[in-house]
Amino acid sequence: MIQTQAKTNSSITLISPIDLTPIIKSESSTAVILACAILISTLLAYITKLVEVIMKRQSR
């Protein structure tokens, strides 16, 4: 689909929207892997902060 502007005579190619249905229903393996990666990285960040707090409290 191409949209043309009258003033500048340039054409803009519109990007077709992404179908979110397979991602929402977890039918896409890429979406599942991405979700797992996000959860693991978040968990590691929380564990790192928790260890930091514990180490600071023990050093007092």
PDB file of N, CA and C in Angstrom:
ATOM      1  N   MET A   1       0.846  -1.166   0.000  1.00  0.00           N
ATOM      2  CA  MET A   1       0.000   0.000   0.000  1.00  0.00           C
ATOM      3  C   MET A   1       0.898   1.238   0.000  1.00  0.00           C
ATOM      4  N   ILE A   2       0.685   2.151  -0.958  1.00  0.00           N
ATOM      5  CA  ILE A   2       1.499   3.356  -1.079  1.00  0.00           C
ATOM      6  C   ILE A   2       0.608   4.578  -0.938  1.00  0.00           C
ATOM      7  N   GLN A   3       1.065   5.512  -0.121  1.00  0.00           N
ATOM      8  CA  GLN A   3       0.336   6.761   0.088  1.00  0.00           C
ATOM      9  C   GLN A   3       1.180   7.888  -0.497  1.00  0.00           C
ATOM     10  N   THR A   4       0.596   8.719  -1.329  1.00  0.00           N
ATOM     11  CA  THR A   4       1.336   9.797  -1.976  1.00  0.00           C
ATOM     12  C   THR A   4       0.908  11.138  -1.403  1.00  0.00           C
ATOM     13  N   GLN A   5       1.886  11.977  -1.098  1.00  0.00           N
ATOM     14  CA  GLN A   5       1.600  13.319  -0.610  1.00  0.00           C
ATOM     15  C   GLN A   5       1.533  14.265  -1.804  1.00  0.00           C
ATOM     16  N   ALA A   6       0.547  15.139  -1.822  1.00  0.00           N
ATOM     17  CA  ALA A   6       0.341  16.043  -2.951  1.00  0.00           C
ATOM     18  C   ALA A   6       1.386  17.157  -2.999  1.00  0.00           C
ATOM     19  N   LYS A   7       1.824  17.676  -1.868  1.00  0.00           N
ATOM     20  CA  LYS A   7       2.713  18.837  -1.842  1.00  0.00           C
ATOM     21  C   LYS A   7       4.126  18.503  -2.303  1.00  0.00           C
ATOM     22  N   THR A   8       4.698  17.409  -1.809  1.00  0.00           N
ATOM     23  CA  THR A   8       6.098  17.117  -2.095  1.00  0.00           C
ATOM     24  C   THR A   8       6.283  16.086  -3.197  1.00  0.00           C
ATOM     25  N   ASN A   9       5.216  15.477  -3.663  1.00  0.00           N
ATOM     26  CA  ASN A   9       5.274  14.443  -4.694  1.00  0.00           C
ATOM     27  C   ASN A   9       6.151  13.262  -4.286  1.00  0.00           C
ATOM     28  N   SER A  10       6.264  12.986  -2.997  1.00  0.00           N
ATOM     29  CA  SER A  10       7.024  11.831  -2.531  1.00  0.00           C
ATOM     30  C   SER A  10       6.047  10.753  -2.083  1.00  0.00           C
ATOM     31  N   SER A  11       6.486   9.515  -2.191  1.00  0.00           N
ATOM     32  CA  SER A  11       5.609   8.415  -1.787  1.00  0.00           C
ATOM     33  C   SER A  11       6.120   7.798  -0.492  1.00  0.00           C
ATOM     34  N   ILE A  12       5.196   7.375   0.337  1.00  0.00           N
ATOM     35  CA  ILE A  12       5.516   6.751   1.620  1.00  0.00           C
ATOM     36  C   ILE A  12       4.924   5.355   1.611  1.00  0.00           C
ATOM     37  N   THR A  13       5.748   4.355   1.862  1.00  0.00           N
ATOM     38  CA  THR A  13       5.256   2.993   1.948  1.00  0.00           C
ATOM     39  C   THR A  13       4.823   2.733   3.381  1.00  0.00           C
ATOM     40  N   LEU A  14       3.569   2.374   3.564  1.00  0.00           N
ATOM     41  CA  LEU A  14       3.049   2.101   4.900  1.00  0.00           C
ATOM     42  C   LEU A  14       3.382   0.672   5.300  1.00  0.00           C
ATOM     43  N   ILE A  15       3.743   0.485   6.544  1.00  0.00           N
ATOM     44  CA  ILE A  15       4.062  -0.844   7.063  1.00  0.00           C
ATOM     45  C   ILE A  15       2.772  -1.510   7.499  1.00  0.00           C
ATOM     46  N   SER A  16       2.593  -2.736   7.060  1.00  0.00           N
ATOM     47  CA  SER A  16       1.375  -3.452   7.448  1.00  0.00           C
ATOM     48  C   SER A  16       1.454  -3.822   8.928  1.00  0.00           C
ATOM     49  N   PRO A  17       0.348  -3.772   9.641  1.00  0.00           N
ATOM     50  CA  PRO A  17       0.363  -4.067  11.081  1.00  0.00           C
ATOM     51  C   PRO A  17       0.685  -5.535  11.358  1.00  0.00           C
ATOM     52  N   ILE A  18       1.280  -5.779  12.510  1.00  0.00           N
ATOM     53  CA  ILE A  18       1.637  -7.136  12.927  1.00  0.00           C
ATOM     54  C   ILE A  18       0.412  -7.797  13.546  1.00  0.00           C
ATOM     55  N   ASP A  19       0.180  -9.047  13.167  1.00  0.00           N
ATOM     56  CA  ASP A  19      -0.935  -9.804  13.747  1.00  0.00           C
ATOM     57  C   ASP A  19      -0.523 -10.285  15.135  1.00  0.00           C
ATOM     58  N   LEU A  20      -1.154  -9.763  16.171  1.00  0.00           N
ATOM     59  CA  LEU A  20      -0.788 -10.088  17.551  1.00  0.00           C
ATOM     60  C   LEU A  20      -1.457 -11.353  18.073  1.00  0.00           C
ATOM     61  N   THR A  21      -2.398 -11.919  17.325  1.00  0.00           N
ATOM     62  CA  THR A  21      -3.144 -13.082  17.812  1.00  0.00           C
ATOM     63  C   THR A  21      -2.244 -14.263  18.165  1.00  0.00           C
ATOM     64  N   PRO A  22      -1.290 -14.681  17.301  1.00  0.00           N
ATOM     65  CA  PRO A  22      -0.430 -15.813  17.687  1.00  0.00           C
ATOM     66  C   PRO A  22       0.433 -15.525  18.908  1.00  0.00           C
ATOM     67  N   ILE A  23       0.834 -14.266  19.072  1.00  0.00           N
ATOM     68  CA  ILE A  23       1.664 -13.900  20.224  1.00  0.00           C
ATOM     69  C   ILE A  23       0.841 -13.955  21.501  1.00  0.00           C
ATOM     70  N   ILE A  24      -0.382 -13.435  21.453  1.00  0.00           N
ATOM     71  CA  ILE A  24      -1.251 -13.429  22.633  1.00  0.00           C
ATOM     72  C   ILE A  24      -1.626 -14.849  23.037  1.00  0.00           C
ATOM     73  N   LYS A  25      -1.867 -15.713  22.060  1.00  0.00           N
ATOM     74  CA  LYS A  25      -2.260 -17.093  22.352  1.00  0.00           C
ATOM     75  C   LYS A  25      -1.052 -17.996  22.600  1.00  0.00           C
ATOM     76  N   SER A  26       0.144 -17.448  22.559  1.00  0.00           N
ATOM     77  CA  SER A  26       1.402 -18.187  22.768  1.00  0.00           C
ATOM     78  C   SER A  26       1.583 -19.294  21.748  1.00  0.00           C
ATOM     79  N   GLU A  27       1.121 -19.066  20.524  1.00  0.00           N
ATOM     80  CA  GLU A  27       1.326 -20.038  19.460  1.00  0.00           C
ATOM     81  C   GLU A  27       2.659 -19.811  18.761  1.00  0.00           C
ATOM     82  N   SER A  28       3.245 -18.672  18.972  1.00  0.00           N
ATOM     83  CA  SER A  28       4.513 -18.339  18.340  1.00  0.00           C
ATOM     84  C   SER A  28       5.651 -18.763  19.264  1.00  0.00           C
ATOM     85  N   SER A  29       6.527 -19.630  18.758  1.00  0.00           N
ATOM     86  CA  SER A  29       7.640 -20.093  19.598  1.00  0.00           C
ATOM     87  C   SER A  29       8.589 -18.944  19.919  1.00  0.00           C
ATOM     88  N   THR A  30       8.725 -18.011  19.007  1.00  0.00           N
ATOM     89  CA  THR A  30       9.581 -16.851  19.257  1.00  0.00           C
ATOM     90  C   THR A  30       9.039 -16.018  20.412  1.00  0.00           C
ATOM     91  N   ALA A  31       7.727 -15.866  20.473  1.00  0.00           N
ATOM     92  CA  ALA A  31       7.114 -15.097  21.560  1.00  0.00           C
ATOM     93  C   ALA A  31       7.327 -15.787  22.899  1.00  0.00           C
ATOM     94  N   VAL A  32       7.230 -17.105  22.914  1.00  0.00           N
ATOM     95  CA  VAL A  32       7.434 -17.857  24.158  1.00  0.00           C
ATOM     96  C   VAL A  32       8.880 -17.724  24.616  1.00  0.00           C
ATOM     97  N   ILE A  33       9.821 -17.855  23.686  1.00  0.00           N
ATOM     98  CA  ILE A  33      11.243 -17.725  24.022  1.00  0.00           C
ATOM     99  C   ILE A  33      11.542 -16.317  24.523  1.00  0.00           C
ATOM    100  N   LEU A  34      10.977 -15.315  23.872  1.00  0.00           N
ATOM    101  CA  LEU A  34      11.184 -13.932  24.294  1.00  0.00           C
ATOM    102  C   LEU A  34      10.608 -13.685  25.683  1.00  0.00           C
ATOM    103  N   ALA A  35       9.422 -14.207  25.947  1.00  0.00           N
ATOM    104  CA  ALA A  35       8.809 -14.050  27.267  1.00  0.00           C
ATOM    105  C   ALA A  35       9.664 -14.716  28.342  1.00  0.00           C
ATOM    106  N   CYS A  36      10.172 -15.909  28.056  1.00  0.00           N
ATOM    107  CA  CYS A  36      11.045 -16.607  29.020  1.00  0.00           C
ATOM    108  C   CYS A  36      12.321 -15.812  29.264  1.00  0.00           C
ATOM    109  N   ALA A  37      12.898 -15.261  28.213  1.00  0.00           N
ATOM    110  CA  ALA A  37      14.125 -14.476  28.358  1.00  0.00           C
ATOM    111  C   ALA A  37      13.886 -13.237  29.214  1.00  0.00           C
ATOM    112  N   ILE A  38      12.754 -12.587  29.011  1.00  0.00           N
ATOM    113  CA  ILE A  38      12.424 -11.402  29.813  1.00  0.00           C
ATOM    114  C   ILE A  38      12.228 -11.782  31.277  1.00  0.00           C
ATOM    115  N   LEU A  39      11.522 -12.884  31.519  1.00  0.00           N
ATOM    116  CA  LEU A  39      11.305 -13.328  32.900  1.00  0.00           C
ATOM    117  C   LEU A  39      12.614 -13.704  33.579  1.00  0.00           C
ATOM    118  N   ILE A  40      13.481 -14.417  32.873  1.00  0.00           N
ATOM    119  CA  ILE A  40      14.765 -14.829  33.453  1.00  0.00           C
ATOM    120  C   ILE A  40      15.628 -13.611  33.757  1.00  0.00           C
ATOM    121  N   SER A  41      15.691 -12.651  32.834  1.00  0.00           N
ATOM    122  CA  SER A  41      16.523 -11.471  33.077  1.00  0.00           C
ATOM    123  C   SER A  41      15.983 -10.634  34.235  1.00  0.00           C
ATOM    124  N   THR A  42      14.664 -10.544  34.348  1.00  0.00           N
ATOM    125  CA  THR A  42      14.064  -9.817  35.468  1.00  0.00           C
ATOM    126  C   THR A  42      14.361 -10.521  36.786  1.00  0.00           C
ATOM    127  N   LEU A  43      14.231 -11.834  36.793  1.00  0.00           N
ATOM    128  CA  LEU A  43      14.516 -12.615  37.994  1.00  0.00           C
ATOM    129  C   LEU A  43      15.973 -12.462  38.412  1.00  0.00           C
ATOM    130  N   LEU A  44      16.886 -12.512  37.457  1.00  0.00           N
ATOM    131  CA  LEU A  44      18.302 -12.347  37.778  1.00  0.00           C
ATOM    132  C   LEU A  44      18.593 -10.957  38.335  1.00  0.00           C
ATOM    133  N   ALA A  45      17.925  -9.949  37.804  1.00  0.00           N
ATOM    134  CA  ALA A  45      18.129  -8.590  38.316  1.00  0.00           C
ATOM    135  C   ALA A  45      17.657  -8.479  39.762  1.00  0.00           C
ATOM    136  N   TYR A  46      16.494  -9.075  40.069  1.00  0.00           N
ATOM    137  CA  TYR A  46      15.988  -9.038  41.441  1.00  0.00           C
ATOM    138  C   TYR A  46      16.892  -9.818  42.387  1.00  0.00           C
ATOM    139  N   ILE A  47      17.379 -10.963  41.951  1.00  0.00           N
ATOM    140  CA  ILE A  47      18.271 -11.760  42.803  1.00  0.00           C
ATOM    141  C   ILE A  47      19.563 -10.997  43.063  1.00  0.00           C
ATOM    142  N   THR A  48      20.089 -10.336  42.037  1.00  0.00           N
ATOM    143  CA  THR A  48      21.313  -9.554  42.206  1.00  0.00           C
ATOM    144  C   THR A  48      21.113  -8.441  43.228  1.00  0.00           C
ATOM    145  N   LYS A  49      19.997  -7.734  43.135  1.00  0.00           N
ATOM    146  CA  LYS A  49      19.710  -6.666  44.105  1.00  0.00           C
ATOM    147  C   LYS A  49      19.530  -7.229  45.510  1.00  0.00           C
ATOM    148  N   LEU A  50      18.879  -8.375  45.622  1.00  0.00           N
ATOM    149  CA  LEU A  50      18.671  -9.001  46.921  1.00  0.00           C
ATOM    150  C   LEU A  50      20.001  -9.390  47.553  1.00  0.00           C
ATOM    151  N   VAL A  51      20.896  -9.965  46.773  1.00  0.00           N
ATOM    152  CA  VAL A  51      22.216 -10.340  47.286  1.00  0.00           C
ATOM    153  C   VAL A  51      22.982  -9.092  47.714  1.00  0.00           C
ATOM    154  N   GLU A  52      22.865  -8.017  46.936  1.00  0.00           N
ATOM    155  CA  GLU A  52      23.518  -6.755  47.303  1.00  0.00           C
ATOM    156  C   GLU A  52      23.050  -6.260  48.662  1.00  0.00           C
ATOM    157  N   VAL A  53      21.742  -6.268  48.876  1.00  0.00           N
ATOM    158  CA  VAL A  53      21.172  -5.803  50.142  1.00  0.00           C
ATOM    159  C   VAL A  53      21.631  -6.695  51.287  1.00  0.00           C
ATOM    160  N   ILE A  54      21.632  -7.995  51.086  1.00  0.00           N
ATOM    161  CA  ILE A  54      22.065  -8.929  52.135  1.00  0.00           C
ATOM    162  C   ILE A  54      23.531  -8.705  52.476  1.00  0.00           C
ATOM    163  N   MET A  55      24.369  -8.529  51.461  1.00  0.00           N
ATOM    164  CA  MET A  55      25.802  -8.323  51.706  1.00  0.00           C
ATOM    165  C   MET A  55      26.045  -7.008  52.456  1.00  0.00           C
ATOM    166  N   LYS A  56      25.292  -5.963  52.136  1.00  0.00           N
ATOM    167  CA  LYS A  56      25.457  -4.684  52.830  1.00  0.00           C
ATOM    168  C   LYS A  56      25.023  -4.794  54.285  1.00  0.00           C
ATOM    169  N   ARG A  57      23.954  -5.550  54.539  1.00  0.00           N
ATOM    170  CA  ARG A  57      23.473  -5.696  55.921  1.00  0.00           C
ATOM    171  C   ARG A  57      24.449  -6.532  56.749  1.00  0.00           C
ATOM    172  N   GLN A  58      25.094  -7.514  56.131  1.00  0.00           N
ATOM    173  CA  GLN A  58      26.033  -8.357  56.870  1.00  0.00           C
ATOM    174  C   GLN A  58      27.326  -7.618  57.183  1.00  0.00           C
ATOM    175  N   SER A  59      27.682  -6.651  56.353  1.00  0.00           N
ATOM    176  CA  SER A  59      28.938  -5.937  56.578  1.00  0.00           C
ATOM    177  C   SER A  59      28.829  -4.891  57.684  1.00  0.00           C
ATOM    178  N   ARG A  60      27.643  -4.622  58.168  1.00  0.00           N
ATOM    179  CA  ARG A  60      27.456  -3.637  59.241  1.00  0.00           C
ATOM    180  C   ARG A  60      27.873  -4.163  60.565  1.00  0.00           C
TER     181      ARG A  60
END
